[in-house]
Amino acid sequence: MHSNEEFIHLVRYTNPDDDDGSSFLTAVKNSYDEDYDNLNRELQVLRELRGYPRIITCFGDYLEEGLSSYGNRVYKLLLDYASEGSLNAFLNNFPDRKLHEPLIKDFTRMILEGLVSIHGHGYVHCDMNSDNLLVFLSSTEHSSFMGEGFSVGCERK
């Protein structure tokens, strides 16, 4: 089980090798020593599922390590930034938190695509809820599957 010591920061990375100074946003999930195993397991699962439909992208092949302002060791997992947040937060954009039927159909299809990706690799998501579904809006609207509770809720079949 996750302790309450995990936290997520939004970070803008700038490519120093790029002449135009292009940058991108990433969500950095942090945890302390006591949650290292959970965060590392989440990284391993996300690496295995990298590139599969509706699975959040993790950047890098290892956890970054650093120190907190208090000198405690902190481990960091870099994840794709979900511009619209969780499905739970996204629902606040709609009157009475009700989605229109076409959007419900789209989200249902995307959630099922994510489940197919997860189940196809022998995992079962045991903590599926609107806080663990992340919404990304772009020119090709999509949602990604996973979230903070992923490493708790995902078990090998």
N, C-alpha and C. Protein backbone atom coordinates (compact mmCIF):
# COMPACT_ATOMS: atom_id res chain seq x y z
N MET A 1 0.84 -1.18 0.00
CA MET A 1 0.00 0.00 0.00
C MET A 1 0.89 1.24 0.00
N HIS A 2 0.47 2.28 -0.70
CA HIS A 2 1.22 3.54 -0.72
C HIS A 2 1.09 4.23 0.62
N SER A 3 2.16 4.85 1.06
CA SER A 3 2.05 5.71 2.23
C SER A 3 1.57 7.07 1.75
N ASN A 4 1.38 7.97 2.66
CA ASN A 4 0.96 9.32 2.30
C ASN A 4 2.14 10.18 1.91
N GLU A 5 3.28 9.56 1.71
CA GLU A 5 4.50 10.31 1.43
C GLU A 5 4.76 10.51 -0.06
N GLU A 6 3.86 10.07 -0.94
CA GLU A 6 4.04 10.31 -2.36
C GLU A 6 3.43 11.65 -2.72
N PHE A 7 4.07 12.33 -3.65
CA PHE A 7 3.55 13.61 -4.11
C PHE A 7 3.97 13.81 -5.55
N ILE A 8 3.22 14.64 -6.27
CA ILE A 8 3.47 14.87 -7.69
C ILE A 8 3.69 16.35 -7.92
N HIS A 9 4.72 16.65 -8.71
CA HIS A 9 5.02 18.02 -9.10
C HIS A 9 4.90 18.14 -10.62
N LEU A 10 4.52 19.29 -11.08
CA LEU A 10 4.52 19.61 -12.50
C LEU A 10 5.84 20.29 -12.81
N VAL A 11 6.57 19.77 -13.79
CA VAL A 11 7.90 20.30 -14.11
C VAL A 11 7.98 20.56 -15.61
N ARG A 12 8.56 21.71 -15.98
CA ARG A 12 8.80 22.03 -17.39
C ARG A 12 10.26 21.72 -17.70
N TYR A 13 10.48 20.84 -18.67
CA TYR A 13 11.83 20.49 -19.11
C TYR A 13 12.12 21.22 -20.41
N THR A 14 13.31 21.78 -20.51
CA THR A 14 13.76 22.44 -21.74
C THR A 14 14.92 21.64 -22.29
N ASN A 15 14.88 21.36 -23.58
CA ASN A 15 15.94 20.60 -24.22
C ASN A 15 17.13 21.52 -24.48
N PRO A 16 18.27 21.32 -23.78
CA PRO A 16 19.42 22.20 -23.96
C PRO A 16 20.07 22.06 -25.33
N ASP A 17 19.82 20.93 -26.01
CA ASP A 17 20.41 20.70 -27.33
C ASP A 17 19.58 21.30 -28.45
N ASP A 18 18.39 21.78 -28.12
CA ASP A 18 17.47 22.32 -29.11
C ASP A 18 17.67 23.83 -29.22
N ASP A 19 17.96 24.32 -30.43
CA ASP A 19 18.23 25.75 -30.63
C ASP A 19 17.01 26.63 -30.35
N ASP A 20 15.81 26.10 -30.56
CA ASP A 20 14.63 26.93 -30.36
C ASP A 20 14.14 26.93 -28.91
N GLY A 21 14.85 26.22 -28.03
CA GLY A 21 14.48 26.22 -26.62
C GLY A 21 13.17 25.53 -26.33
N SER A 22 12.81 24.55 -27.17
CA SER A 22 11.54 23.86 -26.96
C SER A 22 11.51 23.18 -25.59
N SER A 23 10.31 23.11 -25.05
CA SER A 23 10.16 22.50 -23.73
C SER A 23 8.87 21.70 -23.68
N PHE A 24 8.73 20.90 -22.64
CA PHE A 24 7.51 20.13 -22.44
C PHE A 24 7.26 19.99 -20.95
N LEU A 25 5.99 19.75 -20.62
CA LEU A 25 5.60 19.54 -19.23
C LEU A 25 5.59 18.06 -18.91
N THR A 26 5.99 17.73 -17.71
CA THR A 26 5.92 16.36 -17.24
C THR A 26 5.46 16.35 -15.79
N ALA A 27 4.79 15.29 -15.42
CA ALA A 27 4.40 15.09 -14.02
C ALA A 27 5.50 14.26 -13.38
N VAL A 28 6.04 14.74 -12.28
CA VAL A 28 7.10 14.01 -11.59
C VAL A 28 6.51 13.47 -10.29
N LYS A 29 6.40 12.16 -10.23
CA LYS A 29 5.87 11.49 -9.05
C LYS A 29 7.05 11.18 -8.13
N ASN A 30 6.98 11.66 -6.91
CA ASN A 30 8.07 11.53 -5.95
C ASN A 30 7.68 10.64 -4.79
N SER A 31 8.65 9.93 -4.24
CA SER A 31 8.41 9.18 -3.01
C SER A 31 9.72 9.07 -2.24
N TYR A 32 9.57 8.79 -0.97
CA TYR A 32 10.73 8.62 -0.09
C TYR A 32 11.14 7.15 -0.04
N ASP A 33 12.22 6.88 0.69
CA ASP A 33 12.79 5.53 0.79
C ASP A 33 11.75 4.45 1.05
N GLU A 34 10.84 4.70 1.98
CA GLU A 34 9.89 3.65 2.38
C GLU A 34 8.95 3.25 1.25
N ASP A 35 8.80 4.08 0.23
CA ASP A 35 7.93 3.75 -0.90
C ASP A 35 8.71 3.44 -2.18
N TYR A 36 10.03 3.27 -2.06
CA TYR A 36 10.86 3.00 -3.23
C TYR A 36 10.35 1.77 -3.99
N ASP A 37 10.09 0.68 -3.29
CA ASP A 37 9.68 -0.56 -3.96
C ASP A 37 8.39 -0.37 -4.75
N ASN A 38 7.41 0.34 -4.19
CA ASN A 38 6.15 0.59 -4.90
C ASN A 38 6.39 1.42 -6.16
N LEU A 39 7.17 2.49 -6.03
CA LEU A 39 7.42 3.36 -7.18
C LEU A 39 8.23 2.63 -8.24
N ASN A 40 9.21 1.84 -7.83
CA ASN A 40 10.02 1.09 -8.78
C ASN A 40 9.17 0.04 -9.50
N ARG A 41 8.26 -0.60 -8.79
CA ARG A 41 7.36 -1.57 -9.42
C ARG A 41 6.48 -0.87 -10.45
N GLU A 42 5.99 0.30 -10.11
CA GLU A 42 5.18 1.07 -11.06
C GLU A 42 5.99 1.38 -12.31
N LEU A 43 7.25 1.79 -12.14
CA LEU A 43 8.12 2.06 -13.28
C LEU A 43 8.28 0.81 -14.14
N GLN A 44 8.55 -0.33 -13.53
CA GLN A 44 8.77 -1.56 -14.29
C GLN A 44 7.53 -1.94 -15.10
N VAL A 45 6.36 -1.81 -14.51
CA VAL A 45 5.12 -2.13 -15.23
C VAL A 45 4.91 -1.14 -16.37
N LEU A 46 5.09 0.15 -16.11
CA LEU A 46 4.89 1.16 -17.15
C LEU A 46 5.92 1.01 -18.28
N ARG A 47 7.14 0.60 -17.96
CA ARG A 47 8.14 0.33 -19.00
C ARG A 47 7.67 -0.82 -19.88
N GLU A 48 7.14 -1.87 -19.25
CA GLU A 48 6.66 -3.03 -20.00
C GLU A 48 5.49 -2.65 -20.91
N LEU A 49 4.67 -1.71 -20.47
CA LEU A 49 3.49 -1.30 -21.23
C LEU A 49 3.75 -0.08 -22.12
N ARG A 50 4.99 0.41 -22.15
CA ARG A 50 5.32 1.61 -22.92
C ARG A 50 4.92 1.44 -24.38
N GLY A 51 4.21 2.44 -24.89
CA GLY A 51 3.81 2.44 -26.30
C GLY A 51 2.49 1.75 -26.58
N TYR A 52 1.90 1.13 -25.57
CA TYR A 52 0.62 0.47 -25.78
C TYR A 52 -0.51 1.48 -25.64
N PRO A 53 -1.63 1.23 -26.35
CA PRO A 53 -2.73 2.19 -26.34
C PRO A 53 -3.26 2.47 -24.94
N ARG A 54 -3.49 3.76 -24.69
CA ARG A 54 -4.17 4.26 -23.50
C ARG A 54 -3.44 4.00 -22.19
N ILE A 55 -2.13 3.84 -22.28
CA ILE A 55 -1.31 3.68 -21.08
C ILE A 55 -0.43 4.92 -20.96
N ILE A 56 -0.40 5.51 -19.79
CA ILE A 56 0.40 6.71 -19.59
C ILE A 56 1.87 6.42 -19.87
N THR A 57 2.56 7.37 -20.46
CA THR A 57 3.96 7.22 -20.81
C THR A 57 4.84 7.60 -19.63
N CYS A 58 5.80 6.74 -19.33
CA CYS A 58 6.83 7.13 -18.36
C CYS A 58 8.09 7.43 -19.16
N PHE A 59 8.85 8.40 -18.71
CA PHE A 59 10.07 8.80 -19.38
C PHE A 59 11.26 8.24 -18.62
N GLY A 60 12.18 7.67 -19.35
CA GLY A 60 13.36 7.11 -18.71
C GLY A 60 13.16 5.65 -18.36
N ASP A 61 14.28 5.00 -18.04
CA ASP A 61 14.26 3.59 -17.71
C ASP A 61 14.62 3.32 -16.26
N TYR A 62 14.74 4.36 -15.50
CA TYR A 62 15.10 4.21 -14.08
C TYR A 62 14.49 5.36 -13.30
N LEU A 63 14.42 5.21 -11.99
CA LEU A 63 13.95 6.29 -11.13
C LEU A 63 15.09 7.27 -10.92
N GLU A 64 14.79 8.54 -11.02
CA GLU A 64 15.78 9.55 -10.68
C GLU A 64 15.87 9.63 -9.17
N GLU A 65 17.04 9.94 -8.68
CA GLU A 65 17.25 10.03 -7.24
C GLU A 65 17.72 11.43 -6.89
N GLY A 66 17.21 11.96 -5.81
CA GLY A 66 17.60 13.29 -5.36
C GLY A 66 17.41 13.41 -3.86
N LEU A 67 17.55 14.63 -3.38
CA LEU A 67 17.37 14.91 -1.96
C LEU A 67 16.29 15.97 -1.79
N SER A 68 15.48 15.81 -0.76
CA SER A 68 14.47 16.81 -0.44
C SER A 68 15.17 18.00 0.22
N SER A 69 14.42 19.06 0.44
CA SER A 69 14.98 20.24 1.10
C SER A 69 15.41 19.94 2.53
N TYR A 70 14.93 18.81 3.07
CA TYR A 70 15.30 18.39 4.43
C TYR A 70 16.43 17.35 4.43
N GLY A 71 16.96 17.04 3.25
CA GLY A 71 18.05 16.09 3.15
C GLY A 71 17.62 14.64 3.06
N ASN A 72 16.33 14.38 2.90
CA ASN A 72 15.83 13.00 2.75
C ASN A 72 15.97 12.56 1.31
N ARG A 73 16.30 11.29 1.11
CA ARG A 73 16.41 10.73 -0.24
C ARG A 73 15.01 10.68 -0.87
N VAL A 74 14.91 11.14 -2.12
CA VAL A 74 13.65 11.17 -2.85
C VAL A 74 13.86 10.47 -4.19
N TYR A 75 12.92 9.62 -4.55
CA TYR A 75 12.94 8.95 -5.85
C TYR A 75 11.86 9.56 -6.72
N LYS A 76 12.18 9.71 -8.03
CA LYS A 76 11.29 10.42 -8.94
C LYS A 76 10.99 9.59 -10.17
N LEU A 77 9.70 9.53 -10.52
CA LEU A 77 9.23 8.86 -11.72
C LEU A 77 8.64 9.93 -12.63
N LEU A 78 9.18 10.06 -13.84
CA LEU A 78 8.72 11.07 -14.78
C LEU A 78 7.62 10.49 -15.66
N LEU A 79 6.47 11.16 -15.65
CA LEU A 79 5.29 10.69 -16.38
C LEU A 79 4.77 11.77 -17.32
N ASP A 80 4.09 11.33 -18.36
CA ASP A 80 3.41 12.25 -19.25
C ASP A 80 2.43 13.09 -18.44
N TYR A 81 2.36 14.37 -18.74
CA TYR A 81 1.47 15.29 -18.02
C TYR A 81 0.06 15.20 -18.58
N ALA A 82 -0.90 14.88 -17.75
CA ALA A 82 -2.31 14.80 -18.14
C ALA A 82 -2.92 16.20 -18.01
N SER A 83 -3.03 16.89 -19.13
CA SER A 83 -3.45 18.30 -19.12
C SER A 83 -4.82 18.53 -18.49
N GLU A 84 -5.69 17.54 -18.56
CA GLU A 84 -7.03 17.70 -18.00
C GLU A 84 -7.18 17.02 -16.64
N GLY A 85 -6.10 16.47 -16.12
CA GLY A 85 -6.14 15.83 -14.81
C GLY A 85 -6.84 14.49 -14.83
N SER A 86 -7.39 14.11 -13.72
CA SER A 86 -8.10 12.84 -13.61
C SER A 86 -9.50 12.98 -14.22
N LEU A 87 -10.11 11.84 -14.51
CA LEU A 87 -11.49 11.87 -15.00
C LEU A 87 -12.39 12.52 -13.95
N ASN A 88 -12.11 12.27 -12.70
CA ASN A 88 -12.89 12.88 -11.61
C ASN A 88 -12.83 14.41 -11.70
N ALA A 89 -11.64 14.96 -11.89
CA ALA A 89 -11.50 16.42 -12.01
C ALA A 89 -12.13 16.93 -13.31
N PHE A 90 -11.97 16.16 -14.40
CA PHE A 90 -12.51 16.54 -15.70
C PHE A 90 -14.04 16.68 -15.65
N LEU A 91 -14.69 15.85 -14.85
CA LEU A 91 -16.15 15.90 -14.73
C LEU A 91 -16.64 17.24 -14.19
N ASN A 92 -15.80 17.95 -13.48
CA ASN A 92 -16.19 19.26 -12.94
C ASN A 92 -16.42 20.29 -14.04
N ASN A 93 -15.98 20.01 -15.26
CA ASN A 93 -16.19 20.92 -16.39
C ASN A 93 -17.61 20.84 -16.96
N PHE A 94 -18.42 19.92 -16.45
CA PHE A 94 -19.74 19.68 -17.01
C PHE A 94 -20.82 19.92 -15.96
N PRO A 95 -21.96 20.50 -16.40
CA PRO A 95 -23.07 20.71 -15.46
C PRO A 95 -23.47 19.39 -14.81
N ASP A 96 -23.63 19.42 -13.52
CA ASP A 96 -24.01 18.23 -12.75
C ASP A 96 -23.03 17.07 -12.92
N ARG A 97 -21.81 17.37 -13.42
CA ARG A 97 -20.75 16.36 -13.61
C ARG A 97 -21.21 15.22 -14.53
N LYS A 98 -22.06 15.56 -15.50
CA LYS A 98 -22.57 14.55 -16.43
C LYS A 98 -21.99 14.80 -17.82
N LEU A 99 -21.38 13.76 -18.38
CA LEU A 99 -20.82 13.84 -19.73
C LEU A 99 -21.92 13.61 -20.76
N HIS A 100 -21.73 14.19 -21.94
CA HIS A 100 -22.64 13.95 -23.05
C HIS A 100 -22.40 12.54 -23.57
N GLU A 101 -23.45 11.94 -24.12
CA GLU A 101 -23.38 10.53 -24.54
C GLU A 101 -22.22 10.22 -25.49
N PRO A 102 -21.95 11.05 -26.52
CA PRO A 102 -20.81 10.73 -27.40
C PRO A 102 -19.48 10.67 -26.63
N LEU A 103 -19.32 11.55 -25.66
CA LEU A 103 -18.09 11.55 -24.87
C LEU A 103 -18.03 10.32 -23.96
N ILE A 104 -19.17 9.91 -23.42
CA ILE A 104 -19.23 8.69 -22.62
C ILE A 104 -18.80 7.49 -23.46
N LYS A 105 -19.30 7.43 -24.69
CA LYS A 105 -18.93 6.32 -25.59
C LYS A 105 -17.43 6.34 -25.88
N ASP A 106 -16.88 7.54 -26.15
CA ASP A 106 -15.45 7.65 -26.42
C ASP A 106 -14.62 7.20 -25.22
N PHE A 107 -14.97 7.70 -24.05
CA PHE A 107 -14.22 7.33 -22.85
C PHE A 107 -14.34 5.83 -22.56
N THR A 108 -15.53 5.28 -22.75
CA THR A 108 -15.71 3.84 -22.52
C THR A 108 -14.81 3.03 -23.44
N ARG A 109 -14.78 3.40 -24.72
CA ARG A 109 -13.92 2.71 -25.69
C ARG A 109 -12.45 2.83 -25.28
N MET A 110 -12.03 4.05 -24.89
CA MET A 110 -10.63 4.26 -24.52
C MET A 110 -10.25 3.49 -23.25
N ILE A 111 -11.16 3.45 -22.29
CA ILE A 111 -10.90 2.69 -21.06
C ILE A 111 -10.75 1.21 -21.39
N LEU A 112 -11.62 0.70 -22.25
CA LEU A 112 -11.52 -0.71 -22.64
C LEU A 112 -10.22 -0.99 -23.39
N GLU A 113 -9.77 -0.05 -24.23
CA GLU A 113 -8.48 -0.22 -24.91
C GLU A 113 -7.34 -0.31 -23.90
N GLY A 114 -7.41 0.52 -22.86
CA GLY A 114 -6.39 0.46 -21.81
C GLY A 114 -6.42 -0.86 -21.08
N LEU A 115 -7.62 -1.35 -20.77
CA LEU A 115 -7.74 -2.64 -20.09
C LEU A 115 -7.20 -3.78 -20.94
N VAL A 116 -7.45 -3.73 -22.25
CA VAL A 116 -6.91 -4.76 -23.15
C VAL A 116 -5.38 -4.74 -23.08
N SER A 117 -4.78 -3.55 -23.08
CA SER A 117 -3.32 -3.45 -22.97
C SER A 117 -2.82 -4.05 -21.67
N ILE A 118 -3.48 -3.72 -20.57
CA ILE A 118 -3.06 -4.21 -19.26
C ILE A 118 -3.24 -5.73 -19.16
N HIS A 119 -4.42 -6.21 -19.51
CA HIS A 119 -4.72 -7.63 -19.40
C HIS A 119 -3.85 -8.45 -20.35
N GLY A 120 -3.53 -7.89 -21.51
CA GLY A 120 -2.69 -8.59 -22.47
C GLY A 120 -1.28 -8.85 -21.96
N HIS A 121 -0.87 -8.13 -20.95
CA HIS A 121 0.45 -8.34 -20.34
C HIS A 121 0.35 -9.06 -18.99
N GLY A 122 -0.82 -9.60 -18.72
CA GLY A 122 -0.98 -10.41 -17.52
C GLY A 122 -1.27 -9.64 -16.25
N TYR A 123 -1.68 -8.38 -16.37
CA TYR A 123 -2.00 -7.58 -15.19
C TYR A 123 -3.50 -7.39 -15.06
N VAL A 124 -3.95 -7.16 -13.85
CA VAL A 124 -5.33 -6.82 -13.56
C VAL A 124 -5.31 -5.53 -12.77
N HIS A 125 -6.11 -4.55 -13.18
CA HIS A 125 -6.18 -3.28 -12.44
C HIS A 125 -7.22 -3.45 -11.34
N CYS A 126 -6.78 -3.40 -10.09
CA CYS A 126 -7.67 -3.66 -8.96
C CYS A 126 -8.15 -2.39 -8.27
N ASP A 127 -7.83 -1.25 -8.81
CA ASP A 127 -8.21 0.02 -8.16
C ASP A 127 -8.71 0.99 -9.22
N MET A 128 -9.64 0.53 -10.05
CA MET A 128 -10.12 1.36 -11.14
C MET A 128 -11.19 2.32 -10.63
N ASN A 129 -10.91 3.60 -10.74
CA ASN A 129 -11.88 4.63 -10.35
C ASN A 129 -11.53 5.91 -11.10
N SER A 130 -12.38 6.90 -11.00
CA SER A 130 -12.21 8.12 -11.79
C SER A 130 -10.97 8.92 -11.39
N ASP A 131 -10.38 8.65 -10.24
CA ASP A 131 -9.12 9.31 -9.88
C ASP A 131 -7.92 8.65 -10.54
N ASN A 132 -8.07 7.41 -11.01
CA ASN A 132 -6.98 6.68 -11.64
C ASN A 132 -7.08 6.63 -13.16
N LEU A 133 -7.98 7.40 -13.72
CA LEU A 133 -8.09 7.55 -15.16
C LEU A 133 -7.70 8.98 -15.49
N LEU A 134 -6.69 9.13 -16.34
CA LEU A 134 -6.16 10.46 -16.66
C LEU A 134 -6.64 10.89 -18.03
N VAL A 135 -6.93 12.18 -18.17
CA VAL A 135 -7.51 12.72 -19.40
C VAL A 135 -6.50 13.64 -20.06
N PHE A 136 -6.21 13.34 -21.32
CA PHE A 136 -5.33 14.15 -22.15
C PHE A 136 -6.16 14.66 -23.32
N LEU A 137 -6.24 15.95 -23.50
CA LEU A 137 -6.96 16.49 -24.65
C LEU A 137 -5.96 17.10 -25.61
N SER A 138 -6.13 16.76 -26.88
CA SER A 138 -5.28 17.31 -27.93
C SER A 138 -6.08 17.28 -29.21
N SER A 139 -5.40 17.48 -30.32
CA SER A 139 -6.12 17.46 -31.60
C SER A 139 -6.73 16.08 -31.84
N THR A 140 -6.12 15.05 -31.32
CA THR A 140 -6.71 13.71 -31.36
C THR A 140 -7.00 13.33 -29.93
N GLU A 141 -8.21 13.65 -29.50
CA GLU A 141 -8.60 13.46 -28.10
C GLU A 141 -8.36 12.01 -27.67
N HIS A 142 -7.72 11.85 -26.53
CA HIS A 142 -7.52 10.52 -25.98
C HIS A 142 -7.44 10.59 -24.47
N SER A 143 -7.64 9.47 -23.86
CA SER A 143 -7.42 9.40 -22.42
C SER A 143 -6.43 8.29 -22.17
N SER A 144 -5.68 8.41 -21.13
CA SER A 144 -4.75 7.36 -20.77
C SER A 144 -5.19 6.72 -19.49
N PHE A 145 -4.76 5.52 -19.37
CA PHE A 145 -5.17 4.69 -18.27
C PHE A 145 -4.02 4.65 -17.28
N MET A 146 -4.29 4.70 -16.07
CA MET A 146 -3.35 4.62 -14.97
C MET A 146 -3.42 5.89 -14.17
N GLY A 147 -2.70 5.90 -13.13
CA GLY A 147 -2.68 7.05 -12.26
C GLY A 147 -1.93 6.72 -11.00
N GLU A 148 -2.11 7.53 -10.00
CA GLU A 148 -1.38 7.34 -8.76
C GLU A 148 -1.56 5.95 -8.18
N GLY A 149 -2.74 5.42 -8.24
CA GLY A 149 -3.01 4.14 -7.59
C GLY A 149 -2.57 2.93 -8.38
N PHE A 150 -1.88 3.14 -9.49
CA PHE A 150 -1.57 2.03 -10.38
C PHE A 150 -0.78 0.93 -9.71
N SER A 151 0.27 1.26 -9.02
CA SER A 151 1.11 0.19 -8.48
C SER A 151 0.42 -0.54 -7.34
N VAL A 152 -0.54 0.08 -6.70
CA VAL A 152 -1.32 -0.59 -5.67
C VAL A 152 -2.33 -1.51 -6.32
N GLY A 153 -2.98 -1.02 -7.36
CA GLY A 153 -4.12 -1.72 -7.90
C GLY A 153 -3.83 -2.70 -9.01
N CYS A 154 -2.61 -2.80 -9.45
CA CYS A 154 -2.30 -3.67 -10.57
C CYS A 154 -1.58 -4.91 -10.07
N GLU A 155 -2.16 -6.05 -10.34
CA GLU A 155 -1.59 -7.33 -9.89
C GLU A 155 -1.41 -8.24 -11.09
N ARG A 156 -0.39 -9.07 -11.06
CA ARG A 156 -0.22 -10.10 -12.09
C ARG A 156 -1.35 -11.10 -11.94
N LYS A 157 -1.86 -11.57 -13.09
CA LYS A 157 -2.92 -12.59 -13.06
C LYS A 157 -2.38 -13.87 -12.48
